N, C-alpha and C. Protein backbone atom coordinates (compact mmCIF):
# COMPACT_ATOMS: atom_id res chain seq x y z
N UNK A 1 109.45 109.64 89.47
CA UNK A 1 109.70 108.21 89.37
C UNK A 1 110.31 107.89 88.00
N UNK A 2 109.84 108.58 86.95
CA UNK A 2 110.39 108.33 85.62
C UNK A 2 111.87 108.69 85.56
N UNK A 3 112.25 109.73 86.29
CA UNK A 3 113.66 110.14 86.29
C UNK A 3 114.52 109.08 86.97
N UNK A 4 114.01 108.50 88.04
CA UNK A 4 114.76 107.44 88.72
C UNK A 4 114.92 106.23 87.81
N UNK A 5 113.84 105.87 87.12
CA UNK A 5 113.92 104.75 86.17
C UNK A 5 114.93 105.04 85.08
N UNK A 6 114.93 106.26 84.56
CA UNK A 6 115.88 106.63 83.52
C UNK A 6 117.31 106.52 84.03
N UNK A 7 117.58 107.00 85.22
CA UNK A 7 118.93 106.95 85.79
C UNK A 7 119.37 105.49 85.97
N UNK A 8 118.47 104.64 86.47
CA UNK A 8 118.82 103.23 86.68
C UNK A 8 119.14 102.57 85.34
N UNK A 9 118.30 102.79 84.33
CA UNK A 9 118.54 102.20 83.01
C UNK A 9 119.83 102.74 82.41
N UNK A 10 120.08 104.04 82.57
CA UNK A 10 121.30 104.63 82.04
C UNK A 10 122.54 104.04 82.69
N UNK A 11 122.51 103.88 84.00
CA UNK A 11 123.67 103.31 84.71
C UNK A 11 123.90 101.86 84.27
N UNK A 12 122.85 101.10 84.13
CA UNK A 12 123.00 99.70 83.68
C UNK A 12 123.56 99.66 82.27
N UNK A 13 123.06 100.50 81.37
CA UNK A 13 123.56 100.53 80.00
C UNK A 13 125.02 100.96 79.96
N UNK A 14 125.39 101.94 80.76
CA UNK A 14 126.79 102.38 80.82
C UNK A 14 127.69 101.27 81.33
N UNK A 15 127.23 100.56 82.35
CA UNK A 15 128.01 99.43 82.87
C UNK A 15 128.17 98.35 81.82
N UNK A 16 127.14 98.09 81.04
CA UNK A 16 127.23 97.08 79.98
C UNK A 16 128.23 97.51 78.90
N UNK A 17 128.23 98.77 78.54
CA UNK A 17 129.17 99.26 77.53
C UNK A 17 130.60 99.13 78.04
N UNK A 18 130.84 99.55 79.27
CA UNK A 18 132.20 99.43 79.84
C UNK A 18 132.61 97.98 79.95
N UNK A 19 131.68 97.11 80.32
CA UNK A 19 131.97 95.68 80.40
C UNK A 19 132.30 95.12 79.01
N UNK A 20 131.56 95.55 77.99
CA UNK A 20 131.80 95.06 76.63
C UNK A 20 133.16 95.49 76.11
N UNK A 21 133.57 96.70 76.44
CA UNK A 21 134.87 97.19 75.99
C UNK A 21 136.00 96.35 76.57
N UNK A 22 135.86 95.91 77.80
CA UNK A 22 136.91 95.17 78.49
C UNK A 22 136.89 93.66 78.19
N UNK A 23 135.79 93.11 77.69
CA UNK A 23 135.67 91.66 77.52
C UNK A 23 135.31 91.30 76.08
N UNK A 24 136.28 91.43 75.20
CA UNK A 24 136.04 91.15 73.79
C UNK A 24 136.62 89.81 73.34
N UNK A 25 137.31 89.09 74.22
CA UNK A 25 137.92 87.83 73.80
C UNK A 25 136.84 86.75 73.62
N UNK A 26 136.98 85.92 72.60
CA UNK A 26 135.97 84.89 72.34
C UNK A 26 136.03 83.77 73.39
N UNK A 27 134.86 83.26 73.73
CA UNK A 27 134.75 82.14 74.65
C UNK A 27 133.79 81.11 74.04
N UNK A 28 133.91 79.89 74.51
CA UNK A 28 133.10 78.79 74.00
C UNK A 28 132.03 78.44 75.03
N UNK A 29 130.79 78.37 74.60
CA UNK A 29 129.69 77.99 75.47
C UNK A 29 129.12 76.68 74.96
N UNK A 30 128.96 75.72 75.87
CA UNK A 30 128.35 74.43 75.54
C UNK A 30 126.86 74.52 75.89
N UNK A 31 126.02 74.65 74.87
CA UNK A 31 124.58 74.79 75.08
C UNK A 31 123.95 73.42 75.33
N UNK A 32 124.28 72.47 74.48
CA UNK A 32 123.80 71.11 74.62
C UNK A 32 124.88 70.19 74.05
N UNK A 33 124.69 68.90 74.23
CA UNK A 33 125.69 67.96 73.74
C UNK A 33 125.80 68.09 72.22
N UNK A 34 126.98 68.45 71.78
CA UNK A 34 127.23 68.62 70.36
C UNK A 34 126.88 70.01 69.84
N UNK A 35 126.37 70.89 70.69
CA UNK A 35 126.01 72.24 70.26
C UNK A 35 126.84 73.24 71.06
N UNK A 36 127.84 73.79 70.40
CA UNK A 36 128.74 74.76 71.03
C UNK A 36 128.66 76.09 70.26
N UNK A 37 128.78 77.18 71.01
CA UNK A 37 128.76 78.52 70.41
C UNK A 37 130.01 79.25 70.87
N UNK A 38 130.68 79.88 69.91
CA UNK A 38 131.85 80.69 70.25
C UNK A 38 131.57 82.13 69.84
N UNK A 39 131.64 83.01 70.83
CA UNK A 39 131.39 84.43 70.59
C UNK A 39 132.12 85.21 71.68
N UNK A 40 132.25 86.52 71.48
CA UNK A 40 132.87 87.33 72.54
C UNK A 40 132.05 87.23 73.84
N UNK A 41 132.76 87.25 74.95
CA UNK A 41 132.12 87.12 76.26
C UNK A 41 131.05 88.18 76.47
N UNK A 42 131.31 89.41 76.07
CA UNK A 42 130.33 90.48 76.29
C UNK A 42 129.04 90.22 75.53
N UNK A 43 129.15 89.70 74.32
CA UNK A 43 127.94 89.40 73.53
C UNK A 43 127.13 88.30 74.20
N UNK A 44 127.81 87.28 74.64
CA UNK A 44 127.11 86.16 75.28
C UNK A 44 126.43 86.59 76.58
N UNK A 45 127.10 87.39 77.37
CA UNK A 45 126.48 87.85 78.61
C UNK A 45 125.34 88.83 78.36
N UNK A 46 125.48 89.68 77.35
CA UNK A 46 124.38 90.59 77.02
C UNK A 46 123.17 89.81 76.52
N UNK A 47 123.40 88.76 75.75
CA UNK A 47 122.29 87.93 75.30
C UNK A 47 121.62 87.24 76.49
N UNK A 48 122.43 86.77 77.43
CA UNK A 48 121.86 86.14 78.62
C UNK A 48 121.04 87.14 79.42
N UNK A 49 121.54 88.38 79.55
CA UNK A 49 120.79 89.41 80.26
C UNK A 49 119.50 89.77 79.52
N UNK A 50 119.57 89.82 78.20
CA UNK A 50 118.38 90.11 77.40
C UNK A 50 117.32 89.03 77.56
N UNK A 51 117.75 87.78 77.53
CA UNK A 51 116.81 86.68 77.73
C UNK A 51 116.21 86.76 79.13
N UNK A 52 117.05 87.07 80.11
CA UNK A 52 116.55 87.22 81.48
C UNK A 52 115.54 88.36 81.59
N UNK A 53 115.79 89.48 80.91
CA UNK A 53 114.86 90.61 80.93
C UNK A 53 113.53 90.23 80.29
N UNK A 54 113.59 89.51 79.18
CA UNK A 54 112.35 89.08 78.51
C UNK A 54 111.57 88.13 79.41
N UNK A 55 112.27 87.19 80.06
CA UNK A 55 111.59 86.28 80.97
C UNK A 55 110.98 87.02 82.16
N UNK A 56 111.67 88.02 82.68
CA UNK A 56 111.12 88.82 83.78
C UNK A 56 109.87 89.56 83.33
N UNK A 57 109.87 90.10 82.11
CA UNK A 57 108.71 90.80 81.58
C UNK A 57 107.53 89.83 81.41
N UNK A 58 107.80 88.64 80.86
CA UNK A 58 106.74 87.65 80.69
C UNK A 58 106.16 87.26 82.05
N UNK A 59 107.01 87.07 83.05
CA UNK A 59 106.52 86.73 84.39
C UNK A 59 105.67 87.86 84.95
N UNK A 60 106.09 89.10 84.73
CA UNK A 60 105.32 90.25 85.22
C UNK A 60 103.94 90.29 84.57
N UNK A 61 103.88 90.08 83.27
CA UNK A 61 102.58 90.07 82.58
C UNK A 61 101.72 88.93 83.10
N UNK A 62 102.32 87.76 83.29
CA UNK A 62 101.58 86.61 83.80
C UNK A 62 101.03 86.88 85.20
N UNK A 63 101.84 87.52 86.04
CA UNK A 63 101.39 87.84 87.40
C UNK A 63 100.22 88.83 87.35
N UNK A 64 100.26 89.81 86.44
CA UNK A 64 99.16 90.76 86.31
C UNK A 64 97.89 90.07 85.84
N UNK A 65 98.02 89.13 84.91
CA UNK A 65 96.85 88.38 84.43
C UNK A 65 96.25 87.56 85.56
N UNK A 66 97.10 86.91 86.34
CA UNK A 66 96.60 86.13 87.48
C UNK A 66 95.91 87.03 88.50
N UNK A 67 96.47 88.20 88.75
CA UNK A 67 95.85 89.14 89.67
C UNK A 67 94.50 89.59 89.17
N UNK A 68 94.38 89.84 87.87
CA UNK A 68 93.10 90.24 87.30
C UNK A 68 92.07 89.13 87.45
N UNK A 69 92.49 87.90 87.18
CA UNK A 69 91.57 86.78 87.28
C UNK A 69 91.16 86.52 88.73
N UNK A 70 92.05 86.78 89.67
CA UNK A 70 91.73 86.56 91.09
C UNK A 70 90.78 87.63 91.60
N UNK A 71 90.89 88.85 91.13
CA UNK A 71 90.06 89.95 91.60
C UNK A 71 88.69 89.92 90.90
N UNK A 72 88.64 89.40 89.70
CA UNK A 72 87.42 89.44 88.91
C UNK A 72 86.20 88.84 89.61
N UNK A 73 86.28 87.66 90.25
CA UNK A 73 85.09 87.15 90.96
C UNK A 73 84.64 88.07 92.10
N UNK A 74 85.58 88.69 92.78
CA UNK A 74 85.22 89.61 93.85
C UNK A 74 84.48 90.82 93.29
N UNK A 75 84.92 91.30 92.14
CA UNK A 75 84.27 92.45 91.53
C UNK A 75 82.84 92.08 91.13
N UNK A 76 82.66 90.89 90.58
CA UNK A 76 81.31 90.46 90.20
C UNK A 76 80.41 90.35 91.42
N UNK A 77 80.92 89.81 92.51
CA UNK A 77 80.12 89.71 93.74
C UNK A 77 79.74 91.10 94.25
N UNK A 78 80.65 92.03 94.19
CA UNK A 78 80.36 93.40 94.64
C UNK A 78 79.31 94.06 93.75
N UNK A 79 79.41 93.83 92.44
CA UNK A 79 78.42 94.41 91.54
C UNK A 79 77.04 93.84 91.82
N UNK A 80 76.94 92.55 92.09
CA UNK A 80 75.65 91.94 92.43
C UNK A 80 75.11 92.55 93.71
N UNK A 81 75.97 92.71 94.70
CA UNK A 81 75.55 93.30 95.98
C UNK A 81 75.08 94.74 95.78
N UNK A 82 75.77 95.49 94.94
CA UNK A 82 75.38 96.88 94.66
C UNK A 82 74.01 96.91 94.00
N UNK A 83 73.76 96.02 93.06
CA UNK A 83 72.45 95.96 92.41
C UNK A 83 71.35 95.63 93.42
N UNK A 84 71.62 94.69 94.32
CA UNK A 84 70.64 94.35 95.34
C UNK A 84 70.34 95.56 96.22
N UNK A 85 71.37 96.27 96.62
CA UNK A 85 71.18 97.45 97.47
C UNK A 85 70.43 98.55 96.74
N UNK A 86 70.71 98.73 95.45
CA UNK A 86 69.98 99.73 94.67
C UNK A 86 68.50 99.37 94.58
N UNK A 87 68.20 98.10 94.43
CA UNK A 87 66.80 97.66 94.40
C UNK A 87 66.14 97.91 95.75
N UNK A 88 66.86 97.65 96.83
CA UNK A 88 66.32 97.93 98.18
C UNK A 88 66.03 99.41 98.35
N UNK A 89 66.96 100.26 97.91
CA UNK A 89 66.77 101.71 98.04
C UNK A 89 65.55 102.14 97.24
N UNK A 90 65.40 101.61 96.05
CA UNK A 90 64.24 101.97 95.23
C UNK A 90 62.94 101.51 95.89
N UNK A 91 62.92 100.31 96.44
CA UNK A 91 61.74 99.80 97.14
C UNK A 91 61.40 100.67 98.35
N UNK A 92 62.42 101.06 99.13
CA UNK A 92 62.20 101.91 100.30
C UNK A 92 61.70 103.30 99.88
N UNK A 93 62.20 103.81 98.77
CA UNK A 93 61.76 105.11 98.27
C UNK A 93 60.28 105.06 97.91
N UNK A 94 59.87 104.00 97.24
CA UNK A 94 58.46 103.84 96.87
C UNK A 94 57.60 103.73 98.13
N UNK A 95 58.07 102.97 99.11
CA UNK A 95 57.32 102.83 100.36
C UNK A 95 57.17 104.17 101.07
N UNK A 96 58.24 104.96 101.10
CA UNK A 96 58.18 106.28 101.74
C UNK A 96 57.20 107.21 101.01
N UNK A 97 57.21 107.14 99.69
CA UNK A 97 56.26 107.97 98.93
C UNK A 97 54.83 107.56 99.24
N UNK A 98 54.57 106.27 99.33
CA UNK A 98 53.22 105.79 99.66
C UNK A 98 52.82 106.23 101.06
N UNK A 99 53.75 106.15 101.99
CA UNK A 99 53.44 106.57 103.36
C UNK A 99 53.23 108.07 103.45
N UNK A 100 53.99 108.83 102.69
CA UNK A 100 53.81 110.29 102.73
C UNK A 100 52.46 110.68 102.14
N UNK A 101 51.97 109.91 101.20
CA UNK A 101 50.64 110.19 100.66
C UNK A 101 49.55 109.89 101.69
N UNK A 102 49.78 108.91 102.52
CA UNK A 102 48.80 108.54 103.54
C UNK A 102 48.79 109.51 104.73
N UNK A 103 49.90 110.11 105.03
CA UNK A 103 50.00 110.99 106.20
C UNK A 103 49.08 112.20 106.13
N UNK A 104 49.06 112.98 105.07
CA UNK A 104 48.16 114.14 105.05
C UNK A 104 46.70 113.72 105.14
N UNK A 105 46.34 112.62 104.59
CA UNK A 105 44.95 112.16 104.65
C UNK A 105 44.58 111.80 106.08
N UNK A 106 45.48 111.19 106.82
CA UNK A 106 45.17 110.84 108.20
C UNK A 106 45.09 112.08 109.07
N UNK A 107 45.87 113.12 108.79
CA UNK A 107 45.79 114.37 109.54
C UNK A 107 44.45 115.06 109.29
N UNK A 108 43.97 115.03 108.06
CA UNK A 108 42.70 115.65 107.73
C UNK A 108 41.55 114.95 108.44
N UNK A 109 41.61 113.64 108.57
CA UNK A 109 40.57 112.88 109.26
C UNK A 109 40.60 113.18 110.76
N UNK A 110 41.78 113.36 111.32
CA UNK A 110 41.89 113.64 112.75
C UNK A 110 41.33 115.01 113.06
N UNK A 111 41.50 115.98 112.17
CA UNK A 111 40.98 117.33 112.41
C UNK A 111 39.47 117.38 112.23
N UNK A 112 38.94 116.57 111.36
CA UNK A 112 37.51 116.63 111.05
C UNK A 112 36.68 115.93 112.03
């Protein structure tokens, strides 16, 4: 999987380099009223792609945090249920030990 990721990143980087070589003429971008930026087209598009990549990463982290928060109550409920079952098992074990102590005594009384 790492090799596939490397190949994809390499191909994208190569495409960006070839794109930058071909698009060096300056262009004007109107960001807001009265705010204009003039830079080579390749630089502006690479910055836009970089901002998009950062936003995608932030969204990915946010989605992971939401997933953790959504699963967390379920995990707590399961842990509580596990503790209850462990207590039940311990109670049953004690009951079985008590019953096993009573069994030999009842056999001795039946023989006598």
